[in-house]
Amino acid sequence: MNSLTDLMTHDHRQCDQIFACAEQHVGQGQWDAARATLERFSSALNAHFDAEEFILFPQFEQATGMTHGPTLVMREEHRELRAALTRLAQAIDARDADEYAGEAETLLIMMQQHNMKEENILYPMCDQRLNSQREALAAAIGRELSTAQQQSTPA
């Protein structure tokens, strides 16, 4: 990966793929597989959020002095996305495909909007302002994401 934008965008796509698998399982009534896949998705998405909130955003805020700008908005959206994850898990536990479908559509729209803001605005700003730290940040973020992947990979 040549940039923070590339690294983080790639991780967005990996999360998207896991989310799509969970939807397929629900659509086929495979509730145990749906639950396991949603847990993998939740783990991957939360690792992505943690990498941003604990590694990338603080460095960006320190470099720019912007603590009430785009990172504040992204953190709030992360809270909303986490709440949507909880509702998805509840729908799976209730084996309610209609409820899951509605929540999944809401989450998908929220993620698409969120990801577009990060990929087109925030990540390029990070690349610009954090260029001298890019390799160290990418390594730290990569460790955070790979640890989550290892922990969430089914046995």
Protein backbone atom coordinates (compact mmCIF):
# COMPACT_ATOMS: atom_id res chain seq x y z
CA MET A 1 0.00 0.00 0.00
CA ASN A 2 1.40 3.33 -1.03
CA SER A 3 -0.75 5.59 1.11
CA LEU A 4 -2.89 5.65 4.21
CA THR A 5 -5.83 6.17 1.87
CA ASP A 6 -5.00 2.91 0.06
CA LEU A 7 -4.53 0.97 3.29
CA MET A 8 -7.73 2.16 4.92
CA THR A 9 -9.81 1.92 1.74
CA HIS A 10 -8.62 -1.66 1.26
CA ASP A 11 -9.77 -2.45 4.79
CA HIS A 12 -13.17 -0.87 4.07
CA ARG A 13 -13.57 -3.30 1.16
CA GLN A 14 -12.58 -6.30 3.27
CA CYS A 15 -15.19 -5.34 5.87
CA ASP A 16 -17.77 -4.92 3.09
CA GLN A 17 -17.10 -8.47 1.87
CA ILE A 18 -17.66 -9.98 5.32
CA PHE A 19 -20.86 -7.95 5.72
CA ALA A 20 -22.15 -9.27 2.37
CA CYS A 21 -21.48 -12.85 3.52
CA ALA A 22 -23.53 -12.29 6.67
CA GLU A 23 -26.42 -11.01 4.55
CA GLN A 24 -26.23 -14.10 2.34
CA HIS A 25 -26.42 -16.40 5.37
CA VAL A 26 -29.46 -14.57 6.70
CA GLY A 27 -31.12 -14.73 3.29
CA GLN A 28 -30.62 -18.50 3.26
CA GLY A 29 -31.85 -18.91 6.84
CA GLN A 30 -28.42 -20.08 8.01
CA TRP A 31 -28.69 -18.42 11.39
CA ASP A 32 -25.63 -19.92 13.08
CA ALA A 33 -23.43 -19.04 10.12
CA ALA A 34 -25.01 -15.59 9.98
CA ARG A 35 -24.23 -15.00 13.65
CA ALA A 36 -20.63 -16.19 13.27
CA THR A 37 -20.11 -14.06 10.17
CA LEU A 38 -21.70 -11.01 11.79
CA GLU A 39 -19.30 -11.49 14.71
CA ARG A 40 -16.37 -11.57 12.24
CA PHE A 41 -17.71 -8.41 10.60
CA SER A 42 -18.19 -6.70 13.93
CA SER A 43 -14.66 -7.59 15.00
CA ALA A 44 -13.19 -6.37 11.71
CA LEU A 45 -15.21 -3.15 11.73
CA ASN A 46 -14.39 -2.39 15.36
CA ALA A 47 -10.69 -3.04 14.69
CA HIS A 48 -10.91 -0.57 11.80
CA PHE A 49 -12.59 2.00 14.05
CA ASP A 50 -10.02 1.40 16.80
CA ALA A 51 -7.15 1.86 14.34
CA GLU A 52 -8.65 5.18 13.37
CA GLU A 53 -9.66 6.35 16.84
CA PHE A 54 -6.49 5.32 18.68
CA ILE A 55 -3.80 5.56 15.99
CA LEU A 56 -4.71 7.63 12.93
CA PHE A 57 -7.05 10.30 14.29
CA PRO A 58 -4.86 11.31 17.26
CA GLN A 59 -1.86 11.75 14.96
CA PHE A 60 -3.94 13.80 12.52
CA GLU A 61 -5.32 15.94 15.33
CA GLN A 62 -1.85 16.54 16.72
CA ALA A 63 -0.48 17.48 13.30
CA THR A 64 -3.35 19.81 12.41
CA GLY A 65 -4.65 21.03 15.75
CA MET A 66 -8.16 20.12 14.53
CA THR A 67 -9.90 18.28 17.34
CA HIS A 68 -13.43 19.43 16.55
CA GLY A 69 -13.28 18.84 12.81
CA PRO A 70 -13.63 15.75 10.65
CA THR A 71 -12.32 13.29 13.24
CA LEU A 72 -15.00 14.34 15.71
CA VAL A 73 -17.67 13.72 13.06
CA MET A 74 -16.17 10.31 12.20
CA ARG A 75 -16.10 9.26 15.85
CA GLU A 76 -19.78 10.13 16.20
CA GLU A 77 -20.59 8.12 13.09
CA HIS A 78 -18.60 5.20 14.52
CA ARG A 79 -20.91 5.29 17.57
CA GLU A 80 -23.96 5.19 15.29
CA LEU A 81 -22.52 2.32 13.25
CA ARG A 82 -21.74 0.35 16.41
CA ALA A 83 -25.34 0.82 17.56
CA ALA A 84 -26.54 -0.51 14.20
CA LEU A 85 -24.30 -3.57 14.66
CA THR A 86 -26.04 -4.26 17.96
CA ARG A 87 -29.43 -4.10 16.27
CA LEU A 88 -28.24 -6.51 13.56
CA ALA A 89 -27.10 -8.99 16.19
CA GLN A 90 -30.47 -8.71 17.93
CA ALA A 91 -32.27 -9.42 14.65
CA ILE A 92 -30.14 -12.52 14.11
CA ASP A 93 -30.73 -13.70 17.66
CA ALA A 94 -34.49 -13.28 17.05
CA ARG A 95 -34.10 -15.04 13.68
CA ASP A 96 -35.99 -12.15 12.12
CA ALA A 97 -34.89 -11.89 8.49
CA ASP A 98 -37.11 -8.88 7.78
CA GLU A 99 -35.73 -6.92 10.73
CA TYR A 100 -32.21 -7.90 9.74
CA ALA A 101 -32.78 -6.78 6.15
CA GLY A 102 -34.04 -3.38 7.27
CA GLU A 103 -31.17 -2.85 9.69
CA ALA A 104 -28.66 -4.12 7.14
CA GLU A 105 -29.92 -1.64 4.55
CA THR A 106 -29.62 1.19 7.06
CA LEU A 107 -26.12 0.11 8.05
CA LEU A 108 -25.05 -0.23 4.43
CA ILE A 109 -26.20 3.28 3.58
CA MET A 110 -24.52 4.68 6.70
CA MET A 111 -21.27 2.84 5.91
CA GLN A 112 -21.26 3.97 2.29
CA GLN A 113 -21.70 7.61 3.27
CA HIS A 114 -19.15 7.32 6.06
CA ASN A 115 -16.58 5.58 3.88
CA MET A 116 -16.95 8.13 1.09
CA LYS A 117 -16.18 10.97 3.52
CA GLU A 118 -13.13 9.16 4.83
CA GLU A 119 -11.84 7.97 1.46
CA ASN A 120 -12.38 11.26 -0.40
CA ILE A 121 -11.70 13.82 2.33
CA LEU A 122 -10.17 12.62 5.60
CA TYR A 123 -7.70 9.98 4.39
CA PRO A 124 -6.23 12.24 1.68
CA MET A 125 -5.85 14.94 4.35
CA CYS A 126 -4.05 12.39 6.53
CA ASP A 127 -1.77 11.43 3.64
CA GLN A 128 -0.92 15.08 3.12
CA ARG A 129 -0.42 16.07 6.75
CA LEU A 130 1.12 12.81 8.00
CA ASN A 131 3.33 11.95 5.02
CA SER A 132 6.52 11.84 7.11
CA GLN A 133 4.87 9.38 9.52
CA ARG A 134 3.13 7.29 6.86
CA GLU A 135 5.27 4.16 7.14
CA ALA A 136 5.14 4.03 10.95
CA LEU A 137 1.39 4.73 10.98
CA ALA A 138 0.72 2.14 8.28
CA ALA A 139 2.70 -0.45 10.25
CA ALA A 140 0.82 0.31 13.49
CA ILE A 141 -2.54 0.26 11.73
CA GLY A 142 -1.61 -2.94 9.91
CA ARG A 143 -0.76 -4.63 13.22
CA GLU A 144 -4.11 -3.55 14.71
CA LEU A 145 -6.05 -4.85 11.72
CA SER A 146 -4.16 -8.13 11.38
CA THR A 147 -4.54 -8.88 15.10
CA ALA A 148 -8.32 -8.49 14.73
CA GLN A 149 -8.29 -10.70 11.62
CA GLN A 150 -6.41 -13.44 13.44
CA GLN A 151 -8.78 -13.29 16.40
CA SER A 152 -11.90 -13.38 14.23
CA THR A 153 -10.86 -16.06 11.73
CA PRO A 154 -13.02 -19.14 12.19
CA ALA A 155 -11.18 -22.27 13.34
